[in-house]
Amino acid sequence: MPEFPCTIRESTLKYRAWGAPYEHSRLVDHHNGFAAYFESGDELVGVLTLNAADDYRRADQLVRSHTPMTV
């Protein structure tokens, strides 16, 4: 499964996704970053985070296991 991490100074951008189409997305805004979740039906198919390591770790497990996401 594709993954793309990028660190520039204090900021870390991470992306993990199956490359499948998604039906909708959710954005969680953090003070110094964000987490964007991409869903198809009730399945999480991708995640993009900026300075949100905990959100990325949780979503990464859900994407890999094809588990529905509950927020």
N, C-alpha and C. Protein backbone atom coordinates (compact mmCIF):
# COMPACT_ATOMS: atom_id res chain seq x y z
N MET A 1 0.85 -1.16 0.00
CA MET A 1 0.00 0.00 0.00
C MET A 1 0.90 1.23 0.00
N PRO A 2 0.62 2.20 -0.87
CA PRO A 2 1.45 3.40 -0.96
C PRO A 2 1.47 4.21 0.33
N GLU A 3 2.64 4.71 0.63
CA GLU A 3 2.84 5.59 1.78
C GLU A 3 3.80 6.68 1.36
N PHE A 4 3.56 7.88 1.87
CA PHE A 4 4.44 8.99 1.56
C PHE A 4 4.65 9.84 2.81
N PRO A 5 5.84 9.76 3.42
CA PRO A 5 6.16 10.65 4.53
C PRO A 5 7.10 11.76 4.05
N CYS A 6 6.95 12.94 4.62
CA CYS A 6 7.81 14.06 4.27
C CYS A 6 7.97 14.95 5.50
N THR A 7 9.20 15.24 5.87
CA THR A 7 9.46 16.11 7.01
C THR A 7 10.27 17.31 6.53
N ILE A 8 9.75 18.49 6.86
CA ILE A 8 10.44 19.74 6.55
C ILE A 8 10.49 20.55 7.84
N ARG A 9 11.68 20.70 8.35
CA ARG A 9 11.89 21.36 9.64
C ARG A 9 11.06 20.68 10.71
N GLU A 10 10.11 21.38 11.33
CA GLU A 10 9.31 20.80 12.42
C GLU A 10 8.01 20.17 11.94
N SER A 11 7.72 20.22 10.67
CA SER A 11 6.45 19.72 10.15
C SER A 11 6.62 18.37 9.46
N THR A 12 5.68 17.46 9.76
CA THR A 12 5.71 16.13 9.15
C THR A 12 4.37 15.85 8.48
N LEU A 13 4.44 15.59 7.19
CA LEU A 13 3.27 15.26 6.38
C LEU A 13 3.34 13.76 6.08
N LYS A 14 2.24 13.04 6.31
CA LYS A 14 2.20 11.61 6.03
C LYS A 14 0.92 11.26 5.28
N TYR A 15 1.06 10.33 4.32
CA TYR A 15 -0.07 9.90 3.50
C TYR A 15 -0.03 8.39 3.38
N ARG A 16 -1.19 7.75 3.54
CA ARG A 16 -1.30 6.30 3.34
C ARG A 16 -2.66 6.05 2.72
N ALA A 17 -2.70 5.31 1.62
CA ALA A 17 -3.98 5.04 0.97
C ALA A 17 -3.85 3.86 0.01
N TRP A 18 -4.99 3.24 -0.26
CA TRP A 18 -5.05 2.14 -1.21
C TRP A 18 -5.05 2.64 -2.65
N GLY A 19 -5.30 3.91 -2.87
CA GLY A 19 -5.40 4.43 -4.22
C GLY A 19 -6.78 4.21 -4.82
N ALA A 20 -7.71 3.75 -4.00
CA ALA A 20 -9.08 3.51 -4.44
C ALA A 20 -9.85 4.83 -4.43
N PRO A 21 -10.89 4.93 -5.23
CA PRO A 21 -11.71 6.14 -5.17
C PRO A 21 -12.38 6.26 -3.80
N TYR A 22 -12.64 7.48 -3.40
CA TYR A 22 -13.32 7.70 -2.14
C TYR A 22 -14.60 8.49 -2.39
N GLU A 23 -15.57 8.29 -1.50
CA GLU A 23 -16.87 8.95 -1.65
C GLU A 23 -16.95 10.25 -0.87
N HIS A 24 -16.29 10.30 0.26
CA HIS A 24 -16.29 11.53 1.04
C HIS A 24 -15.04 11.59 1.91
N SER A 25 -14.77 12.79 2.42
CA SER A 25 -13.61 12.99 3.27
C SER A 25 -14.01 13.79 4.50
N ARG A 26 -13.21 13.65 5.53
CA ARG A 26 -13.40 14.40 6.77
C ARG A 26 -12.09 15.08 7.12
N LEU A 27 -12.18 16.28 7.63
CA LEU A 27 -10.99 17.02 8.05
C LEU A 27 -11.09 17.32 9.53
N VAL A 28 -10.05 16.95 10.26
CA VAL A 28 -9.96 17.28 11.67
C VAL A 28 -8.82 18.29 11.81
N ASP A 29 -9.18 19.49 12.21
CA ASP A 29 -8.21 20.58 12.33
C ASP A 29 -7.60 20.57 13.73
N HIS A 30 -6.28 20.53 13.78
CA HIS A 30 -5.54 20.63 15.04
C HIS A 30 -4.87 22.00 15.05
N HIS A 31 -4.44 22.40 16.21
CA HIS A 31 -3.83 23.73 16.34
C HIS A 31 -2.65 23.93 15.39
N ASN A 32 -1.79 22.92 15.28
CA ASN A 32 -0.60 23.06 14.42
C ASN A 32 -0.56 22.03 13.30
N GLY A 33 -1.72 21.50 12.92
CA GLY A 33 -1.76 20.50 11.85
C GLY A 33 -3.18 20.04 11.60
N PHE A 34 -3.31 18.89 10.93
CA PHE A 34 -4.63 18.37 10.59
C PHE A 34 -4.55 16.89 10.29
N ALA A 35 -5.72 16.27 10.20
CA ALA A 35 -5.85 14.90 9.71
C ALA A 35 -7.01 14.89 8.73
N ALA A 36 -6.79 14.36 7.54
CA ALA A 36 -7.84 14.22 6.53
C ALA A 36 -8.06 12.73 6.31
N TYR A 37 -9.32 12.31 6.45
CA TYR A 37 -9.69 10.91 6.31
C TYR A 37 -10.51 10.76 5.04
N PHE A 38 -10.19 9.74 4.24
CA PHE A 38 -10.88 9.49 2.97
C PHE A 38 -11.62 8.16 3.10
N GLU A 39 -12.95 8.19 2.86
CA GLU A 39 -13.78 7.02 3.09
C GLU A 39 -14.57 6.62 1.85
N SER A 40 -14.77 5.33 1.72
CA SER A 40 -15.63 4.77 0.68
C SER A 40 -16.62 3.87 1.39
N GLY A 41 -17.89 4.24 1.35
CA GLY A 41 -18.87 3.54 2.17
C GLY A 41 -18.53 3.78 3.62
N ASP A 42 -18.42 2.72 4.40
CA ASP A 42 -18.01 2.87 5.79
C ASP A 42 -16.55 2.49 6.00
N GLU A 43 -15.83 2.28 4.91
CA GLU A 43 -14.43 1.86 5.01
C GLU A 43 -13.48 3.04 4.83
N LEU A 44 -12.49 3.12 5.69
CA LEU A 44 -11.44 4.13 5.57
C LEU A 44 -10.44 3.64 4.52
N VAL A 45 -10.26 4.40 3.44
CA VAL A 45 -9.36 3.99 2.36
C VAL A 45 -8.10 4.84 2.28
N GLY A 46 -8.02 5.92 3.06
CA GLY A 46 -6.82 6.74 3.02
C GLY A 46 -6.79 7.76 4.14
N VAL A 47 -5.58 8.24 4.43
CA VAL A 47 -5.38 9.26 5.45
C VAL A 47 -4.22 10.15 5.04
N LEU A 48 -4.36 11.43 5.31
CA LEU A 48 -3.30 12.42 5.11
C LEU A 48 -3.23 13.25 6.38
N THR A 49 -2.04 13.32 6.98
CA THR A 49 -1.90 14.09 8.21
C THR A 49 -0.73 15.07 8.12
N LEU A 50 -0.86 16.13 8.87
CA LEU A 50 0.22 17.09 9.06
C LEU A 50 0.37 17.28 10.56
N ASN A 51 1.51 16.89 11.10
CA ASN A 51 1.80 17.02 12.53
C ASN A 51 0.71 16.38 13.39
N ALA A 52 0.25 15.22 12.99
CA ALA A 52 -0.79 14.50 13.74
C ALA A 52 -0.43 13.02 13.79
N ALA A 53 0.67 12.70 14.44
CA ALA A 53 1.20 11.34 14.46
C ALA A 53 0.23 10.34 15.07
N ASP A 54 -0.45 10.70 16.14
CA ASP A 54 -1.40 9.77 16.77
C ASP A 54 -2.56 9.45 15.84
N ASP A 55 -3.08 10.47 15.17
CA ASP A 55 -4.17 10.26 14.21
C ASP A 55 -3.69 9.35 13.07
N TYR A 56 -2.47 9.57 12.60
CA TYR A 56 -1.93 8.77 11.50
C TYR A 56 -1.79 7.30 11.91
N ARG A 57 -1.24 7.05 13.09
CA ARG A 57 -1.06 5.66 13.54
C ARG A 57 -2.40 4.93 13.64
N ARG A 58 -3.39 5.58 14.20
CA ARG A 58 -4.72 4.97 14.34
C ARG A 58 -5.33 4.70 12.96
N ALA A 59 -5.30 5.70 12.09
CA ALA A 59 -5.90 5.55 10.76
C ALA A 59 -5.13 4.53 9.92
N ASP A 60 -3.83 4.49 10.05
CA ASP A 60 -3.02 3.54 9.29
C ASP A 60 -3.47 2.11 9.58
N GLN A 61 -3.71 1.80 10.83
CA GLN A 61 -4.19 0.46 11.19
C GLN A 61 -5.56 0.18 10.58
N LEU A 62 -6.44 1.17 10.60
CA LEU A 62 -7.78 0.99 10.03
C LEU A 62 -7.74 0.81 8.52
N VAL A 63 -6.89 1.58 7.85
CA VAL A 63 -6.77 1.46 6.40
C VAL A 63 -6.24 0.07 6.03
N ARG A 64 -5.21 -0.37 6.73
CA ARG A 64 -4.61 -1.68 6.44
C ARG A 64 -5.58 -2.84 6.67
N SER A 65 -6.43 -2.71 7.69
CA SER A 65 -7.32 -3.82 8.04
C SER A 65 -8.71 -3.71 7.41
N HIS A 66 -8.92 -2.66 6.60
CA HIS A 66 -10.23 -2.43 5.95
C HIS A 66 -11.34 -2.31 7.00
N THR A 67 -11.04 -1.68 8.11
CA THR A 67 -11.99 -1.53 9.21
C THR A 67 -12.73 -0.20 9.09
N PRO A 68 -14.03 -0.19 9.37
CA PRO A 68 -14.76 1.07 9.37
C PRO A 68 -14.21 2.01 10.44
N MET A 69 -14.28 3.30 10.17
CA MET A 69 -13.77 4.30 11.10
C MET A 69 -14.93 4.89 11.88
N THR A 70 -14.74 5.00 13.18
CA THR A 70 -15.71 5.69 14.02
C THR A 70 -14.99 6.87 14.66
N VAL A 71 -15.59 8.04 14.53
CA VAL A 71 -14.96 9.25 15.11
C VAL A 71 -15.74 9.66 16.33
